[in-house]
Structure formats: structure tokens, C-alpha cells
Amino acid sequence: MATQVIFDVSNTSEHVGLAAKCIRDGFVIIAPHENGYVYLCDAFSQDAVRAMHVLRGDALGVAAQVLISDHSQIEGLARDISEDARALMNAFWPGALSLTLRPQRGLNWDLGDAGKLDWVSVRMPRHEFLQALIKETGPLAVASAAMAGHPPIVEISQLNLQGHEVALIIDSGVIAADARSSHVEVELTQTRLVREGAISQSEIAKVIPALVIP
């Protein structure tokens, strides 16, 4: 059975330590995020990432997003990082911006696409628990705890688990979900808005005047 703990902001370190141990041991956990509850696991544990995709009912070839806690972590994950990408990171991270970048070649991971997409979606969350956890574990693969295509899970009672699929559930009560993240795809030759979300198109265009709008 999954261990379930009530998140206490005054006792963050204990819960971070418990979550970090589960992730280092190769398990999937459920934790709060800005947009609802999410699955989290070690981005470099192929078995854990595969289990996360199975839990969600993802189609084959779907790649998980990666969460980082520090700008320096992007250097080991992405190649050809443009000035546009760095400007967006400086302006909006941590925050509701997902950047799709070209991953470093030779990374020992499979986020669900077997590396065929040659893209990685990266985000630096504001959530304090996630920030603290990633500092302990390194980059984490993340996906909504909702089934693929369904609205976010905003309270633990909405989960449909039998109790053995995840190692740990961090319950922080009902989450007032923010708008979903804005999504920008960055190549050396262009920066393209994929999805407008919590950060408006006009805010992004102030940073990247040559932003390509679909």
C-alpha cells in the first residue's frame, strides 16, 4: 500500500526526505503541483517513467516533461541553448513556462519516446515542495495524476488507485489549480509559441519580439 502523508509546510524537510528516498529507490510518487496533483519519478529511471505512463494510460511515444530546480541543470539536459531560451528562462523561471528544447545527445534516459522526438519539455516550478525535492533528487519526470486527456486532479479523493501503484502520496488538500503553463518551442533559428497559458502571448513577445505565433 502507498504511504500517504498530509503535507505540513512547517515540516517540509521530513516529507522531502521521504519523497526523495522513494524516488531514488526507483518508485513513482504523487505530489502537489501548481496545476493539480502529479506523478513524479526519477527522469533517468526508465522503469519508473514507463510505470508512470502506464498509470496514466498514455499512448506509446508520449514523452514526459522534466522538472528542474536550478538554471544550471539545463546545461546537462539540453543542447544548442539559444539566447532566446536563456532570456525566457531568466524572465519566467521559476514559473508557468514550459520550454521545449533539443536534448543533449547520449542522455541515458527514455521519457517515453525512446528519444525519437529529439525534444525535451522542461519547466522550473514555483512550488516550494517541488523545488526542495528536485534539489535532493535531480531532474524529475512529471505527468498529471489524471488519466490522459482528463482534467487535473485537484484533491486526493479524486485519485483512482488500488494502493500499490505508487510508493507515496503527499496530500496538501484541495489545490486551487492555476492556469496551465505557457509552452514555447525554441530552436537556434526560431522561437515559436506552442500554447498560450498563464503567461500571455504579449508578455512573452516583450521578451522575444521575433516570437513566431501559430
N, C-alpha and C. Protein backbone atom coordinates (compact mmCIF):
# COMPACT_ATOMS: atom_id res chain seq x y z
N MET A 1 0.83 -1.20 0.00
CA MET A 1 0.00 0.00 0.00
C MET A 1 0.87 1.25 0.00
N ALA A 2 0.40 2.28 -0.69
CA ALA A 2 1.13 3.54 -0.73
C ALA A 2 1.09 4.20 0.65
N THR A 3 2.21 4.80 1.03
CA THR A 3 2.24 5.63 2.24
C THR A 3 1.62 6.97 1.89
N GLN A 4 0.70 7.45 2.72
CA GLN A 4 0.06 8.75 2.47
C GLN A 4 0.34 9.66 3.65
N VAL A 5 0.85 10.85 3.36
CA VAL A 5 1.15 11.82 4.41
C VAL A 5 0.47 13.14 4.09
N ILE A 6 0.06 13.82 5.13
CA ILE A 6 -0.54 15.15 5.00
C ILE A 6 0.61 16.17 5.00
N PHE A 7 0.71 16.91 3.93
CA PHE A 7 1.82 17.86 3.81
C PHE A 7 1.69 18.97 4.84
N ASP A 8 2.78 19.21 5.54
CA ASP A 8 2.84 20.23 6.58
C ASP A 8 3.99 21.17 6.23
N VAL A 9 3.65 22.42 5.91
CA VAL A 9 4.70 23.36 5.48
C VAL A 9 5.73 23.60 6.57
N SER A 10 5.36 23.36 7.83
CA SER A 10 6.32 23.55 8.91
C SER A 10 7.26 22.35 9.07
N ASN A 11 6.97 21.28 8.31
CA ASN A 11 7.79 20.07 8.42
C ASN A 11 8.19 19.58 7.03
N THR A 12 8.53 20.53 6.18
CA THR A 12 8.82 20.20 4.78
C THR A 12 9.97 19.22 4.64
N SER A 13 11.01 19.39 5.44
CA SER A 13 12.22 18.58 5.25
C SER A 13 11.95 17.09 5.43
N GLU A 14 11.09 16.73 6.38
CA GLU A 14 10.79 15.30 6.59
C GLU A 14 10.10 14.71 5.37
N HIS A 15 9.14 15.45 4.82
CA HIS A 15 8.39 14.94 3.67
C HIS A 15 9.26 14.94 2.41
N VAL A 16 10.12 15.92 2.27
CA VAL A 16 11.05 15.93 1.14
C VAL A 16 11.98 14.73 1.23
N GLY A 17 12.48 14.45 2.42
CA GLY A 17 13.36 13.30 2.60
C GLY A 17 12.69 11.99 2.27
N LEU A 18 11.44 11.84 2.69
CA LEU A 18 10.68 10.62 2.42
C LEU A 18 10.44 10.46 0.91
N ALA A 19 10.03 11.56 0.28
CA ALA A 19 9.77 11.53 -1.16
C ALA A 19 11.05 11.25 -1.94
N ALA A 20 12.15 11.88 -1.54
CA ALA A 20 13.43 11.68 -2.24
C ALA A 20 13.88 10.23 -2.15
N LYS A 21 13.69 9.60 -1.00
CA LYS A 21 14.09 8.19 -0.85
C LYS A 21 13.29 7.31 -1.80
N CYS A 22 11.97 7.55 -1.87
CA CYS A 22 11.13 6.75 -2.77
C CYS A 22 11.59 6.90 -4.21
N ILE A 23 11.91 8.12 -4.60
CA ILE A 23 12.33 8.37 -5.99
C ILE A 23 13.69 7.74 -6.25
N ARG A 24 14.62 7.89 -5.32
CA ARG A 24 15.94 7.28 -5.51
C ARG A 24 15.85 5.75 -5.57
N ASP A 25 14.84 5.18 -4.89
CA ASP A 25 14.64 3.72 -4.91
C ASP A 25 13.92 3.25 -6.17
N GLY A 26 13.58 4.19 -7.06
CA GLY A 26 13.00 3.81 -8.34
C GLY A 26 11.49 3.77 -8.40
N PHE A 27 10.83 4.42 -7.43
CA PHE A 27 9.37 4.40 -7.38
C PHE A 27 8.76 5.67 -7.96
N VAL A 28 7.47 5.59 -8.24
CA VAL A 28 6.65 6.74 -8.63
C VAL A 28 5.94 7.24 -7.39
N ILE A 29 5.85 8.56 -7.24
CA ILE A 29 5.08 9.14 -6.14
C ILE A 29 4.05 10.11 -6.71
N ILE A 30 3.12 10.52 -5.86
CA ILE A 30 2.14 11.55 -6.19
C ILE A 30 2.37 12.73 -5.26
N ALA A 31 2.43 13.92 -5.83
CA ALA A 31 2.72 15.13 -5.04
C ALA A 31 1.95 16.32 -5.61
N PRO A 32 1.81 17.38 -4.83
CA PRO A 32 1.12 18.58 -5.33
C PRO A 32 2.00 19.38 -6.29
N HIS A 33 1.35 19.98 -7.26
CA HIS A 33 1.99 20.87 -8.23
C HIS A 33 1.08 22.09 -8.33
N GLU A 34 1.49 23.08 -9.08
CA GLU A 34 0.67 24.30 -9.20
C GLU A 34 -0.64 24.05 -9.92
N ASN A 35 -0.69 23.02 -10.76
CA ASN A 35 -1.90 22.78 -11.57
C ASN A 35 -2.68 21.56 -11.13
N GLY A 36 -2.34 20.99 -10.00
CA GLY A 36 -3.01 19.79 -9.52
C GLY A 36 -1.99 18.75 -9.10
N TYR A 37 -2.49 17.58 -8.73
CA TYR A 37 -1.58 16.51 -8.30
C TYR A 37 -0.92 15.86 -9.51
N VAL A 38 0.33 15.46 -9.31
CA VAL A 38 1.12 14.91 -10.40
C VAL A 38 1.84 13.64 -9.96
N TYR A 39 2.17 12.82 -10.95
CA TYR A 39 3.11 11.73 -10.74
C TYR A 39 4.52 12.29 -10.91
N LEU A 40 5.42 11.80 -10.10
CA LEU A 40 6.83 12.20 -10.19
C LEU A 40 7.70 10.96 -10.08
N CYS A 41 8.80 10.96 -10.82
CA CYS A 41 9.79 9.90 -10.68
C CYS A 41 11.12 10.41 -11.22
N ASP A 42 12.16 9.64 -10.99
CA ASP A 42 13.50 9.97 -11.48
C ASP A 42 13.47 9.98 -13.00
N ALA A 43 13.86 11.11 -13.60
CA ALA A 43 13.83 11.22 -15.06
C ALA A 43 14.75 10.22 -15.73
N PHE A 44 15.73 9.69 -14.99
CA PHE A 44 16.69 8.77 -15.57
C PHE A 44 16.40 7.31 -15.23
N SER A 45 15.25 7.06 -14.58
CA SER A 45 14.82 5.69 -14.29
C SER A 45 13.79 5.28 -15.34
N GLN A 46 14.24 4.51 -16.34
CA GLN A 46 13.35 4.15 -17.44
C GLN A 46 12.17 3.32 -16.96
N ASP A 47 12.39 2.44 -15.99
CA ASP A 47 11.29 1.63 -15.47
C ASP A 47 10.24 2.50 -14.78
N ALA A 48 10.70 3.47 -13.98
CA ALA A 48 9.76 4.34 -13.27
C ALA A 48 8.98 5.21 -14.25
N VAL A 49 9.66 5.75 -15.25
CA VAL A 49 8.98 6.58 -16.25
C VAL A 49 7.95 5.74 -17.00
N ARG A 50 8.30 4.52 -17.35
CA ARG A 50 7.36 3.63 -18.05
C ARG A 50 6.14 3.35 -17.16
N ALA A 51 6.39 3.11 -15.87
CA ALA A 51 5.27 2.86 -14.95
C ALA A 51 4.35 4.07 -14.87
N MET A 52 4.93 5.27 -14.87
CA MET A 52 4.13 6.49 -14.82
C MET A 52 3.23 6.61 -16.04
N HIS A 53 3.77 6.30 -17.21
CA HIS A 53 2.97 6.36 -18.43
C HIS A 53 1.84 5.32 -18.40
N VAL A 54 2.12 4.14 -17.86
CA VAL A 54 1.08 3.11 -17.75
C VAL A 54 -0.03 3.56 -16.82
N LEU A 55 0.33 4.17 -15.71
CA LEU A 55 -0.67 4.66 -14.75
C LEU A 55 -1.62 5.66 -15.40
N ARG A 56 -1.09 6.46 -16.31
CA ARG A 56 -1.91 7.49 -16.96
C ARG A 56 -2.66 6.97 -18.18
N GLY A 57 -2.28 5.81 -18.68
CA GLY A 57 -2.88 5.33 -19.90
C GLY A 57 -2.41 6.08 -21.12
N ASP A 58 -1.15 6.55 -21.09
CA ASP A 58 -0.61 7.31 -22.22
C ASP A 58 -0.41 6.42 -23.44
N ALA A 59 -0.58 7.02 -24.60
CA ALA A 59 -0.27 6.33 -25.84
C ALA A 59 1.23 6.13 -25.96
N LEU A 60 1.64 5.15 -26.74
CA LEU A 60 3.06 4.93 -26.98
C LEU A 60 3.66 6.15 -27.67
N GLY A 61 4.87 6.50 -27.27
CA GLY A 61 5.56 7.62 -27.89
C GLY A 61 5.37 8.95 -27.20
N VAL A 62 4.52 9.00 -26.16
CA VAL A 62 4.33 10.24 -25.41
C VAL A 62 5.51 10.43 -24.46
N ALA A 63 6.10 11.61 -24.48
CA ALA A 63 7.26 11.90 -23.63
C ALA A 63 6.84 12.71 -22.41
N ALA A 64 7.35 12.33 -21.26
CA ALA A 64 7.08 13.08 -20.03
C ALA A 64 7.84 14.40 -20.03
N GLN A 65 7.31 15.37 -19.30
CA GLN A 65 8.02 16.62 -19.07
C GLN A 65 9.06 16.40 -17.98
N VAL A 66 10.06 17.28 -17.94
CA VAL A 66 11.11 17.21 -16.92
C VAL A 66 11.09 18.48 -16.10
N LEU A 67 11.15 18.33 -14.79
CA LEU A 67 11.21 19.46 -13.86
C LEU A 67 12.63 19.63 -13.35
N ILE A 68 13.08 20.88 -13.29
CA ILE A 68 14.39 21.19 -12.71
C ILE A 68 14.20 22.26 -11.64
N SER A 69 15.21 22.45 -10.82
CA SER A 69 15.10 23.43 -9.73
C SER A 69 16.11 24.56 -9.85
N ASP A 70 17.02 24.45 -10.83
CA ASP A 70 18.11 25.41 -10.91
C ASP A 70 18.48 25.62 -12.36
N HIS A 71 18.79 26.85 -12.75
CA HIS A 71 19.15 27.14 -14.14
C HIS A 71 20.34 26.30 -14.61
N SER A 72 21.27 26.00 -13.71
CA SER A 72 22.46 25.25 -14.13
C SER A 72 22.12 23.84 -14.60
N GLN A 73 21.00 23.28 -14.14
CA GLN A 73 20.64 21.92 -14.52
C GLN A 73 20.30 21.80 -16.00
N ILE A 74 19.91 22.91 -16.62
CA ILE A 74 19.52 22.85 -18.02
C ILE A 74 20.72 22.51 -18.91
N GLU A 75 21.92 22.87 -18.46
CA GLU A 75 23.11 22.65 -19.28
C GLU A 75 23.34 21.17 -19.56
N GLY A 76 23.04 20.33 -18.59
CA GLY A 76 23.25 18.90 -18.79
C GLY A 76 22.12 18.21 -19.53
N LEU A 77 20.99 18.89 -19.70
CA LEU A 77 19.83 18.28 -20.31
C LEU A 77 19.61 18.69 -21.76
N ALA A 78 19.97 19.94 -22.09
CA ALA A 78 19.64 20.47 -23.42
C ALA A 78 20.89 20.96 -24.14
N ARG A 79 20.85 20.86 -25.46
CA ARG A 79 21.95 21.34 -26.30
C ARG A 79 21.45 22.54 -27.11
N ASP A 80 22.36 23.25 -27.71
CA ASP A 80 22.01 24.37 -28.59
C ASP A 80 21.06 25.35 -27.90
N ILE A 81 21.40 25.73 -26.68
CA ILE A 81 20.52 26.64 -25.93
C ILE A 81 20.73 28.06 -26.46
N SER A 82 19.71 28.60 -27.07
CA SER A 82 19.81 29.90 -27.74
C SER A 82 19.71 31.05 -26.74
N GLU A 83 20.06 32.24 -27.21
CA GLU A 83 19.90 33.43 -26.39
C GLU A 83 18.42 33.66 -26.05
N ASP A 84 17.54 33.32 -27.01
CA ASP A 84 16.09 33.43 -26.73
C ASP A 84 15.70 32.54 -25.55
N ALA A 85 16.20 31.31 -25.56
CA ALA A 85 15.87 30.38 -24.48
C ALA A 85 16.35 30.91 -23.14
N ARG A 86 17.56 31.44 -23.11
CA ARG A 86 18.10 31.97 -21.85
C ARG A 86 17.32 33.19 -21.40
N ALA A 87 16.89 34.02 -22.34
CA ALA A 87 16.11 35.20 -21.98
C ALA A 87 14.77 34.78 -21.37
N LEU A 88 14.14 33.76 -21.93
CA LEU A 88 12.86 33.28 -21.39
C LEU A 88 13.04 32.66 -20.01
N MET A 89 14.10 31.90 -19.83
CA MET A 89 14.38 31.31 -18.52
C MET A 89 14.56 32.41 -17.46
N ASN A 90 15.34 33.42 -17.82
CA ASN A 90 15.61 34.50 -16.87
C ASN A 90 14.35 35.29 -16.55
N ALA A 91 13.46 35.42 -17.53
CA ALA A 91 12.25 36.22 -17.33
C ALA A 91 11.16 35.47 -16.57
N PHE A 92 11.03 34.16 -16.80
CA PHE A 92 9.83 33.47 -16.34
C PHE A 92 10.07 32.24 -15.46
N TRP A 93 11.31 31.87 -15.22
CA TRP A 93 11.58 30.74 -14.32
C TRP A 93 12.07 31.23 -12.98
N PRO A 94 11.63 30.64 -11.86
CA PRO A 94 10.60 29.60 -11.81
C PRO A 94 9.22 30.18 -12.13
N GLY A 95 8.38 29.38 -12.75
CA GLY A 95 7.06 29.85 -13.11
C GLY A 95 6.41 28.99 -14.16
N ALA A 96 5.30 29.48 -14.68
CA ALA A 96 4.43 28.69 -15.54
C ALA A 96 4.84 28.76 -17.01
N LEU A 97 6.10 28.46 -17.28
CA LEU A 97 6.60 28.42 -18.65
C LEU A 97 7.25 27.07 -18.90
N SER A 98 6.74 26.37 -19.92
CA SER A 98 7.36 25.12 -20.37
C SER A 98 8.14 25.42 -21.64
N LEU A 99 9.41 25.06 -21.63
CA LEU A 99 10.27 25.26 -22.79
C LEU A 99 10.59 23.91 -23.43
N THR A 100 10.37 23.81 -24.72
CA THR A 100 10.75 22.61 -25.45
C THR A 100 12.06 22.89 -26.16
N LEU A 101 13.06 22.08 -25.83
CA LEU A 101 14.43 22.27 -26.30
C LEU A 101 14.96 20.96 -26.88
N ARG A 102 16.08 21.04 -27.56
CA ARG A 102 16.74 19.84 -28.06
C ARG A 102 17.54 19.20 -26.93
N PRO A 103 17.32 17.92 -26.63
CA PRO A 103 18.06 17.29 -25.53
C PRO A 103 19.52 17.03 -25.89
N GLN A 104 20.35 16.96 -24.86
CA GLN A 104 21.73 16.56 -25.08
C GLN A 104 21.77 15.16 -25.67
N ARG A 105 22.67 14.95 -26.61
CA ARG A 105 22.82 13.62 -27.19
C ARG A 105 23.48 12.68 -26.18
N GLY A 106 23.04 11.45 -26.20
CA GLY A 106 23.66 10.43 -25.36
C GLY A 106 23.14 10.38 -23.94
N LEU A 107 22.06 11.11 -23.63
CA LEU A 107 21.50 11.03 -22.28
C LEU A 107 20.95 9.62 -22.04
N ASN A 108 21.22 9.10 -20.86
CA ASN A 108 20.77 7.75 -20.52
C ASN A 108 19.36 7.81 -19.93
N TRP A 109 18.41 8.16 -20.80
CA TRP A 109 17.03 8.21 -20.33
C TRP A 109 16.11 7.86 -21.48
N ASP A 110 14.86 7.57 -21.13
CA ASP A 110 13.78 7.38 -22.10
C ASP A 110 12.53 7.94 -21.44
N LEU A 111 12.14 9.13 -21.88
CA LEU A 111 10.99 9.79 -21.28
C LEU A 111 9.66 9.28 -21.81
N GLY A 112 9.73 8.29 -22.69
CA GLY A 112 8.52 7.69 -23.25
C GLY A 112 8.51 7.63 -24.76
N ASP A 113 9.46 8.34 -25.39
CA ASP A 113 9.51 8.39 -26.86
C ASP A 113 10.73 7.68 -27.43
N ALA A 114 11.48 6.99 -26.56
CA ALA A 114 12.70 6.29 -26.97
C ALA A 114 13.69 7.23 -27.66
N GLY A 115 13.59 8.53 -27.33
CA GLY A 115 14.50 9.51 -27.90
C GLY A 115 14.20 9.90 -29.33
N LYS A 116 13.12 9.38 -29.90
CA LYS A 116 12.82 9.60 -31.32
C LYS A 116 12.38 11.04 -31.62
N LEU A 117 11.78 11.71 -30.63
CA LEU A 117 11.28 13.06 -30.87
C LEU A 117 12.39 14.09 -30.96
N ASP A 118 13.51 13.81 -30.29
CA ASP A 118 14.62 14.76 -30.20
C ASP A 118 14.17 16.10 -29.64
N TRP A 119 13.23 16.06 -28.72
CA TRP A 119 12.77 17.24 -27.98
C TRP A 119 12.64 16.86 -26.51
N VAL A 120 12.82 17.83 -25.63
CA VAL A 120 12.51 17.64 -24.22
C VAL A 120 11.80 18.89 -23.73
N SER A 121 10.68 18.68 -23.02
CA SER A 121 9.94 19.78 -22.42
C SER A 121 10.40 19.96 -20.98
N VAL A 122 10.86 21.15 -20.65
CA VAL A 122 11.46 21.42 -19.33
C VAL A 122 10.74 22.57 -18.67
N ARG A 123 10.58 22.46 -17.37
CA ARG A 123 9.95 23.54 -16.59
C ARG A 123 10.61 23.63 -15.23
N MET A 124 10.71 24.84 -14.71
CA MET A 124 11.18 25.06 -13.35
C MET A 124 9.99 25.56 -12.53
N PRO A 125 9.41 24.70 -11.69
CA PRO A 125 8.19 25.08 -10.97
C PRO A 125 8.46 26.05 -9.83
N ARG A 126 7.42 26.79 -9.47
CA ARG A 126 7.49 27.68 -8.30
C ARG A 126 7.25 26.92 -7.01
N HIS A 127 6.54 25.83 -7.07
CA HIS A 127 6.07 25.13 -5.88
C HIS A 127 7.25 24.79 -4.96
N GLU A 128 7.16 25.24 -3.71
CA GLU A 128 8.30 25.12 -2.79
C GLU A 128 8.66 23.66 -2.50
N PHE A 129 7.65 22.81 -2.37
CA PHE A 129 7.94 21.39 -2.11
C PHE A 129 8.69 20.79 -3.28
N LEU A 130 8.23 21.08 -4.50
CA LEU A 130 8.90 20.53 -5.67
C LEU A 130 10.32 21.08 -5.80
N GLN A 131 10.49 22.36 -5.55
CA GLN A 131 11.82 22.95 -5.60
C GLN A 131 12.77 22.22 -4.65
N ALA A 132 12.31 22.01 -3.42
CA ALA A 132 13.15 21.35 -2.41
C ALA A 132 13.43 19.90 -2.80
N LEU A 133 12.42 19.23 -3.33
CA LEU A 133 12.59 17.82 -3.71
C LEU A 133 13.59 17.66 -4.85
N ILE A 134 13.48 18.50 -5.87
CA ILE A 134 14.38 18.38 -7.03
C ILE A 134 15.81 18.68 -6.63
N LYS A 135 15.99 19.58 -5.67
CA LYS A 135 17.35 19.84 -5.17
C LYS A 135 17.96 18.58 -4.56
N GLU A 136 17.12 17.71 -4.01
CA GLU A 136 17.59 16.46 -3.41
C GLU A 136 17.81 15.36 -4.45
N THR A 137 16.95 15.32 -5.46
CA THR A 137 16.93 14.17 -6.37
C THR A 137 17.56 14.43 -7.73
N GLY A 138 17.63 15.69 -8.15
CA GLY A 138 17.96 15.98 -9.53
C GLY A 138 16.69 16.01 -10.37
N PRO A 139 16.82 16.16 -11.68
CA PRO A 139 15.65 16.33 -12.55
C PRO A 139 14.63 15.21 -12.40
N LEU A 140 13.35 15.59 -12.40
CA LEU A 140 12.27 14.64 -12.24
C LEU A 140 11.38 14.61 -13.47
N ALA A 141 10.95 13.41 -13.86
CA ALA A 141 9.90 13.28 -14.87
C ALA A 141 8.57 13.53 -14.18
N VAL A 142 7.67 14.21 -14.87
CA VAL A 142 6.40 14.60 -14.27
C VAL A 142 5.27 14.40 -15.27
N ALA A 143 4.11 14.06 -14.76
CA ALA A 143 2.89 13.98 -15.57
C ALA A 143 1.70 14.12 -14.63
N SER A 144 0.62 14.67 -15.14
CA SER A 144 -0.58 14.82 -14.33
C SER A 144 -1.02 13.48 -13.78
N ALA A 145 -1.52 13.48 -12.54
CA ALA A 145 -2.04 12.25 -11.94
C ALA A 145 -3.40 11.87 -12.50
N ALA A 146 -3.96 12.73 -13.34
CA ALA A 146 -5.19 12.40 -14.04
C ALA A 146 -4.88 11.47 -15.21
N MET A 147 -5.85 10.68 -15.62
CA MET A 147 -5.68 9.87 -16.82
C MET A 147 -5.50 10.79 -18.02
N ALA A 148 -4.79 10.29 -19.01
CA ALA A 148 -4.51 11.09 -20.20
C ALA A 148 -5.81 11.65 -20.78
N GLY A 149 -5.79 12.96 -21.04
CA GLY A 149 -6.94 13.62 -21.64
C GLY A 149 -8.00 14.08 -20.66
N HIS A 150 -7.80 13.82 -19.36
CA HIS A 150 -8.79 14.20 -18.35
C HIS A 150 -8.35 15.46 -17.61
N PRO A 151 -9.29 16.18 -16.96
CA PRO A 151 -8.93 17.38 -16.20
C PRO A 151 -7.98 17.05 -15.06
N PRO A 152 -7.25 18.06 -14.56
CA PRO A 152 -6.31 17.82 -13.46
C PRO A 152 -7.00 17.27 -12.21
N ILE A 153 -6.27 16.49 -11.44
CA ILE A 153 -6.71 16.02 -10.13
C ILE A 153 -6.38 17.10 -9.11
N VAL A 154 -7.39 17.66 -8.45
CA VAL A 154 -7.13 18.75 -7.51
C VAL A 154 -7.29 18.34 -6.05
N GLU A 155 -7.75 17.11 -5.81
CA GLU A 155 -7.76 16.59 -4.44
C GLU A 155 -7.57 15.08 -4.48
N ILE A 156 -6.96 14.56 -3.43
CA ILE A 156 -6.55 13.17 -3.40
C ILE A 156 -7.73 12.22 -3.56
N SER A 157 -8.90 12.60 -3.09
CA SER A 157 -10.08 11.72 -3.19
C SER A 157 -10.46 11.42 -4.64
N GLN A 158 -9.98 12.22 -5.59
CA GLN A 158 -10.29 12.00 -7.00
C GLN A 158 -9.40 10.94 -7.64
N LEU A 159 -8.36 10.52 -6.93
CA LEU A 159 -7.46 9.51 -7.48
C LEU A 159 -8.16 8.17 -7.59
N ASN A 160 -7.83 7.44 -8.63
CA ASN A 160 -8.40 6.11 -8.82
C ASN A 160 -7.26 5.09 -8.78
N LEU A 161 -6.76 4.85 -7.58
CA LEU A 161 -5.64 3.93 -7.39
C LEU A 161 -6.07 2.76 -6.51
N GLN A 162 -5.45 1.61 -6.74
CA GLN A 162 -5.72 0.45 -5.90
C GLN A 162 -4.81 0.41 -4.67
N GLY A 163 -3.82 1.32 -4.64
CA GLY A 163 -2.99 1.43 -3.45
C GLY A 163 -1.58 0.93 -3.60
N HIS A 164 -1.30 0.17 -4.68
CA HIS A 164 0.03 -0.42 -4.83
C HIS A 164 0.81 0.16 -5.99
N GLU A 165 0.19 1.07 -6.76
CA GLU A 165 0.85 1.56 -7.96
C GLU A 165 1.92 2.60 -7.69
N VAL A 166 1.79 3.30 -6.57
CA VAL A 166 2.76 4.34 -6.21
C VAL A 166 3.26 4.08 -4.80
N ALA A 167 4.44 4.63 -4.49
CA ALA A 167 5.04 4.37 -3.19
C ALA A 167 4.60 5.39 -2.14
N LEU A 168 4.25 6.61 -2.58
CA LEU A 168 4.00 7.69 -1.64
C LEU A 168 3.00 8.67 -2.23
N ILE A 169 2.09 9.15 -1.38
CA ILE A 169 1.15 10.20 -1.78
C ILE A 169 1.32 11.35 -0.79
N ILE A 170 1.66 12.53 -1.30
CA ILE A 170 1.76 13.74 -0.48
C ILE A 170 0.46 14.52 -0.65
N ASP A 171 -0.33 14.60 0.41
CA ASP A 171 -1.64 15.23 0.36
C ASP A 171 -1.55 16.65 0.92
N SER A 172 -1.77 17.64 0.07
CA SER A 172 -1.76 19.03 0.54
C SER A 172 -3.15 19.66 0.47
N GLY A 173 -4.19 18.82 0.49
CA GLY A 173 -5.56 19.34 0.47
C GLY A 173 -6.00 19.65 -0.95
N VAL A 174 -7.03 20.47 -1.05
CA VAL A 174 -7.56 20.84 -2.36
C VAL A 174 -6.65 21.89 -2.98
N ILE A 175 -6.25 21.68 -4.22
CA ILE A 175 -5.38 22.60 -4.93
C ILE A 175 -6.23 23.52 -5.79
N ALA A 176 -6.05 24.82 -5.60
CA ALA A 176 -6.69 25.80 -6.48
C ALA A 176 -5.83 25.92 -7.72
N ALA A 177 -6.16 25.13 -8.73
CA ALA A 177 -5.28 24.99 -9.88
C ALA A 177 -5.09 26.30 -10.62
N ASP A 178 -3.83 26.62 -10.92
CA ASP A 178 -3.51 27.78 -11.74
C ASP A 178 -3.82 27.46 -13.20
N ALA A 179 -3.78 28.49 -14.03
CA ALA A 179 -3.85 28.25 -15.47
C ALA A 179 -2.67 27.38 -15.88
N ARG A 180 -2.86 26.57 -16.91
CA ARG A 180 -1.77 25.70 -17.35
C ARG A 180 -0.61 26.55 -17.87
N SER A 181 0.54 25.92 -17.94
CA SER A 181 1.74 26.67 -18.32
C SER A 181 1.67 27.09 -19.79
N SER A 182 2.32 28.19 -20.09
CA SER A 182 2.53 28.56 -21.48
C SER A 182 3.67 27.70 -22.02
N HIS A 183 3.61 27.42 -23.31
CA HIS A 183 4.54 26.45 -23.90
C HIS A 183 5.21 27.08 -25.11
N VAL A 184 6.54 27.14 -25.06
CA VAL A 184 7.32 27.75 -26.13
C VAL A 184 8.37 26.75 -26.61
N GLU A 185 8.46 26.61 -27.92
CA GLU A 185 9.45 25.72 -28.54
C GLU A 185 10.60 26.56 -29.08
N VAL A 186 11.83 26.22 -28.68
CA VAL A 186 12.97 27.05 -29.03
C VAL A 186 13.99 26.25 -29.84
N GLU A 187 14.30 26.73 -31.03
CA GLU A 187 15.39 26.22 -31.84
C GLU A 187 16.38 27.36 -32.06
N LEU A 188 17.52 27.01 -32.62
CA LEU A 188 18.52 28.06 -32.88
C LEU A 188 18.01 29.09 -33.87
N THR A 189 17.13 28.66 -34.79
CA THR A 189 16.68 29.56 -35.86
C THR A 189 15.37 30.27 -35.57
N GLN A 190 14.59 29.78 -34.61
CA GLN A 190 13.32 30.46 -34.30
C GLN A 190 12.81 30.06 -32.93
N THR A 191 11.94 30.90 -32.39
CA THR A 191 11.26 30.64 -31.12
C THR A 191 9.77 30.74 -31.38
N ARG A 192 9.06 29.65 -31.09
CA ARG A 192 7.66 29.54 -31.51
C ARG A 192 6.74 29.32 -30.31
N LEU A 193 5.66 30.09 -30.25
CA LEU A 193 4.65 29.89 -29.22
C LEU A 193 3.80 28.68 -29.60
N VAL A 194 3.80 27.67 -28.73
CA VAL A 194 3.00 26.47 -28.98
C VAL A 194 1.64 26.59 -28.31
N ARG A 195 1.63 27.15 -27.09
CA ARG A 195 0.38 27.26 -26.33
C ARG A 195 0.45 28.47 -25.42
N GLU A 196 -0.56 29.30 -25.46
CA GLU A 196 -0.67 30.41 -24.53
C GLU A 196 -1.35 29.92 -23.27
N GLY A 197 -0.78 30.25 -22.13
CA GLY A 197 -1.36 29.80 -20.86
C GLY A 197 -1.29 30.90 -19.83
N ALA A 198 -0.72 30.57 -18.66
CA ALA A 198 -0.66 31.53 -17.56
C ALA A 198 0.15 32.77 -17.92
N ILE A 199 1.13 32.61 -18.78
CA ILE A 199 1.92 33.75 -19.26
C ILE A 199 1.39 34.12 -20.65
N SER A 200 0.97 35.33 -20.82
CA SER A 200 0.29 35.72 -22.05
C SER A 200 1.26 35.83 -23.23
N GLN A 201 0.69 35.74 -24.42
CA GLN A 201 1.48 35.92 -25.64
C GLN A 201 2.20 37.26 -25.64
N SER A 202 1.52 38.30 -25.18
CA SER A 202 2.12 39.64 -25.19
C SER A 202 3.29 39.72 -24.21
N GLU A 203 3.19 39.05 -23.06
CA GLU A 203 4.30 39.05 -22.10
C GLU A 203 5.52 38.35 -22.69
N ILE A 204 5.28 37.23 -23.38
CA ILE A 204 6.38 36.50 -23.99
C ILE A 204 7.00 37.32 -25.13
N ALA A 205 6.15 37.99 -25.91
CA ALA A 205 6.63 38.77 -27.05
C ALA A 205 7.46 39.98 -26.61
N LYS A 206 7.22 40.46 -25.39
CA LYS A 206 8.04 41.55 -24.87
C LYS A 206 9.48 41.08 -24.69
N VAL A 207 9.66 39.82 -24.35
CA VAL A 207 10.99 39.25 -24.16
C VAL A 207 11.58 38.80 -25.50
N ILE A 208 10.71 38.24 -26.35
CA ILE A 208 11.13 37.71 -27.66
C ILE A 208 10.31 38.41 -28.74
N PRO A 209 10.75 39.58 -29.20
CA PRO A 209 9.96 40.32 -30.21
C PRO A 209 9.74 39.53 -31.50
N ALA A 210 10.66 38.64 -31.83
CA ALA A 210 10.53 37.87 -33.08
C ALA A 210 9.77 36.55 -32.86
N LEU A 211 9.03 36.45 -31.77
CA LEU A 211 8.27 35.24 -31.45
C LEU A 211 7.37 34.85 -32.62
N VAL A 212 7.43 33.57 -33.00
CA VAL A 212 6.58 33.06 -34.08
C VAL A 212 5.25 32.62 -33.45
N ILE A 213 4.16 33.17 -33.98
CA ILE A 213 2.82 32.88 -33.47
C ILE A 213 2.14 31.93 -34.44
N PRO A 214 1.61 30.81 -33.95
CA PRO A 214 0.96 29.85 -34.85
C PRO A 214 -0.36 30.41 -35.42
